[in-house]
Protein backbone atom coordinates (compact mmCIF):
# COMPACT_ATOMS: atom_id res chain seq x y z
CA MET A 1 -0.10 0.02 -0.03
CA ALA A 2 1.15 3.54 -1.10
CA PHE A 3 2.04 6.27 1.59
CA LYS A 4 -0.88 8.95 1.72
CA PHE A 5 -0.02 11.93 3.58
CA LYS A 6 -2.94 13.02 5.86
CA LEU A 7 -2.04 16.81 5.64
CA GLU A 8 -1.83 16.72 1.75
CA LYS A 9 -4.48 19.30 1.18
CA ILE A 10 -3.02 21.57 3.79
CA LEU A 11 0.37 21.25 2.19
CA ARG A 12 -1.08 22.23 -1.27
CA MET A 13 -2.81 25.15 0.25
CA ARG A 14 0.82 26.33 1.53
CA HIS A 15 2.20 26.05 -1.43
CA GLU A 16 -0.41 27.93 -3.26
CA ALA A 17 0.06 30.80 -0.40
CA VAL A 18 3.80 30.98 -1.48
CA GLN A 19 2.73 31.24 -4.91
CA GLU A 20 -0.09 33.59 -4.27
CA MET A 21 2.93 35.82 -2.31
CA LEU A 22 5.03 35.65 -5.13
CA ALA A 23 2.55 36.73 -7.48
CA LYS A 24 1.50 39.89 -5.15
CA ILE A 25 5.28 40.68 -4.59
CA GLN A 26 5.62 40.88 -8.59
CA GLU A 27 2.46 43.03 -8.59
CA ILE A 28 4.00 45.33 -5.87
CA GLU A 29 7.34 45.43 -7.84
CA LYS A 30 5.34 46.63 -10.83
CA LYS A 31 3.75 49.16 -8.96
CA ILE A 32 7.04 50.61 -7.70
CA SER A 33 8.28 50.52 -11.26
CA GLU A 34 5.47 52.26 -12.59
CA THR A 35 5.30 54.64 -9.62
CA ARG A 36 9.14 55.68 -10.35
CA VAL A 37 8.78 56.55 -14.02
CA ASN A 38 5.54 58.52 -13.35
CA ILE A 39 7.65 60.41 -10.85
CA LYS A 40 10.29 61.36 -13.24
CA LEU A 41 7.55 62.08 -15.44
CA LYS A 42 6.05 64.68 -12.99
CA HIS A 43 9.38 66.07 -11.98
CA ALA A 44 9.72 66.56 -16.04
CA GLN A 45 6.32 68.13 -15.95
CA ILE A 46 7.25 70.54 -13.11
CA LYS A 47 10.59 71.22 -14.58
CA THR A 48 8.91 72.38 -18.02
CA ASN A 49 6.64 74.54 -16.18
CA GLN A 50 9.15 76.25 -14.24
CA GLU A 51 10.98 76.71 -16.98
CA GLU A 52 8.33 78.19 -19.16
CA MET A 53 7.25 80.50 -16.22
CA VAL A 54 10.95 82.12 -16.47
CA GLU A 55 10.48 82.16 -20.02
CA THR A 56 7.31 84.46 -20.20
CA ASN A 57 8.89 86.53 -17.67
CA TYR A 58 6.50 85.66 -14.99
CA GLN A 59 3.64 87.11 -16.97
CA PHE A 60 1.25 84.20 -15.92
CA ALA A 61 2.96 83.75 -12.49
CA GLU A 62 -0.41 83.07 -10.53
CA ALA A 63 -1.58 80.37 -13.56
CA TYR A 64 1.86 78.82 -13.50
CA LEU A 65 1.77 78.73 -9.40
CA ARG A 66 -1.38 76.88 -9.38
CA ILE A 67 -0.49 74.45 -11.80
CA LEU A 68 3.28 74.01 -10.08
CA LYS A 69 1.13 73.49 -6.59
CA LYS A 70 -0.71 71.22 -7.96
CA LEU A 71 1.75 69.35 -9.70
CA ASN A 72 3.71 69.10 -6.42
CA LYS A 73 0.86 67.66 -5.00
CA GLU A 74 0.85 65.05 -7.33
CA PHE A 75 4.54 64.53 -6.91
CA GLU A 76 4.14 64.40 -3.16
CA LYS A 77 1.56 61.78 -3.78
CA LEU A 78 3.53 59.79 -5.54
CA HIS A 79 6.37 59.67 -3.15
CA GLU A 80 3.88 58.83 -0.63
CA ASN A 81 2.49 55.75 -3.02
CA LEU A 82 5.93 54.60 -3.64
CA ALA A 83 6.67 54.53 0.27
CA GLN A 84 3.87 52.51 0.72
CA TYR A 85 4.58 50.10 -2.02
CA LYS A 86 7.83 49.77 -0.61
CA LYS A 87 6.35 48.79 2.76
CA ASP A 88 4.04 46.61 1.35
CA ARG A 89 7.11 45.08 -0.46
CA VAL A 90 8.77 44.24 2.68
CA GLN A 91 5.47 43.03 4.45
CA ALA A 92 5.06 40.47 1.54
CA GLN A 93 8.52 39.64 1.47
CA LYS A 94 8.02 38.54 5.44
CA ASP A 95 4.63 37.16 4.45
CA LEU A 96 6.48 34.76 1.60
CA LEU A 97 9.21 33.82 3.98
CA ASP A 98 6.70 32.69 6.85
CA ALA A 99 4.59 30.88 3.88
CA ARG A 100 7.87 29.12 2.87
CA MET A 101 8.80 28.18 6.07
CA LYS A 102 5.25 26.78 6.87
CA ALA A 103 5.13 24.77 3.51
CA GLU A 104 8.63 23.60 4.32
CA ALA A 105 7.91 22.45 7.66
CA LEU A 106 4.97 20.32 6.28
CA GLU A 107 7.38 18.91 3.72
CA LYS A 108 9.65 17.79 6.30
CA LEU A 109 6.87 16.04 8.43
CA LYS A 110 5.72 14.48 5.26
CA GLU A 111 9.26 13.03 4.49
CA LYS A 112 9.20 12.15 8.10
CA GLN A 113 5.86 10.58 8.33
CA ALA A 114 6.70 8.95 4.42
CA GLU A 115 9.96 7.37 5.77
CA GLU A 116 8.30 5.98 9.31
CA TYR A 117 5.49 4.64 7.05
CA TYR A 118 8.19 2.87 4.70
CA GLU A 119 10.02 1.59 7.84
CA GLU A 120 6.87 0.25 8.97
CA GLU A 121 6.19 -1.50 5.94
CA ASN A 122 9.61 -2.82 5.89
CA ARG A 123 9.44 -4.25 9.53
CA ILE A 124 5.95 -5.79 8.81
CA GLU A 125 7.33 -7.61 5.60
CA GLN A 126 10.22 -8.58 7.55
CA LEU A 127 8.24 -10.10 10.31
CA GLU A 128 6.04 -11.67 7.64
CA THR A 129 9.17 -13.43 6.05
CA ASP A 130 10.41 -14.19 9.37
CA GLU A 131 7.25 -16.11 10.05
CA LYS A 132 7.14 -17.55 6.82
CA VAL A 133 10.79 -18.97 7.35
CA SER A 134 9.53 -20.08 10.72
CA LEU A 135 6.79 -21.90 9.49
CA LYS A 136 8.77 -23.66 6.88
CA PHE A 137 11.61 -24.71 9.20
CA ALA A 138 8.46 -26.02 11.52
CA THR A 139 6.87 -27.73 8.91
CA GLU A 140 10.43 -29.44 7.69
CA MET A 141 11.28 -30.16 11.35
CA LEU A 142 7.80 -32.31 12.09
CA LYS A 143 8.06 -34.12 8.26
CA ARG A 144 11.84 -35.23 9.61
CA GLN A 145 10.52 -36.54 12.80
CA GLN A 146 7.66 -38.03 11.48
CA GLU A 147 10.00 -39.47 8.86
CA GLU A 148 12.00 -40.86 12.05
CA GLU A 149 9.47 -42.40 13.83
CA GLU A 150 8.22 -44.15 10.52
CA ASP A 151 11.94 -45.32 9.93
CA ASP A 152 11.85 -46.42 13.75
CA GLU A 153 8.63 -48.31 13.25
CA ALA A 154 10.23 -49.92 10.27
CA TRP A 155 13.14 -51.01 12.25
CA LEU A 156 11.17 -52.73 14.87
């Protein structure tokens, strides 16, 4: 009979959790990358608006200042998002490590139980073999004894 791990479903769920965490980390990395690109773009917009304001001799300074204020808020929000994504990544990495450790612990338990199962199977098989050998030996001994008794009776 083959070994069947009783916690196989849980082990599978733990492996799925590891895969989910890896996917989550990839998603966060993508957000971080996109946010960095957006920060560079926003920085370029701010710089362009500042240069335009200087080129127009501050003719529309109020409008430019409103635009710059809006762009700076967006820039700050992007930095906040980036910081949050980095925190999320750190937490996701911790969660991934935890999920991997739990899966690994179950893998080790599975290996240990399988080893114990097969050792027990081998022990039982050895006992059965020993019993068969003992029965065969006992049968042969009885045959010999009967043959000796028959020989003894034939001499009489």
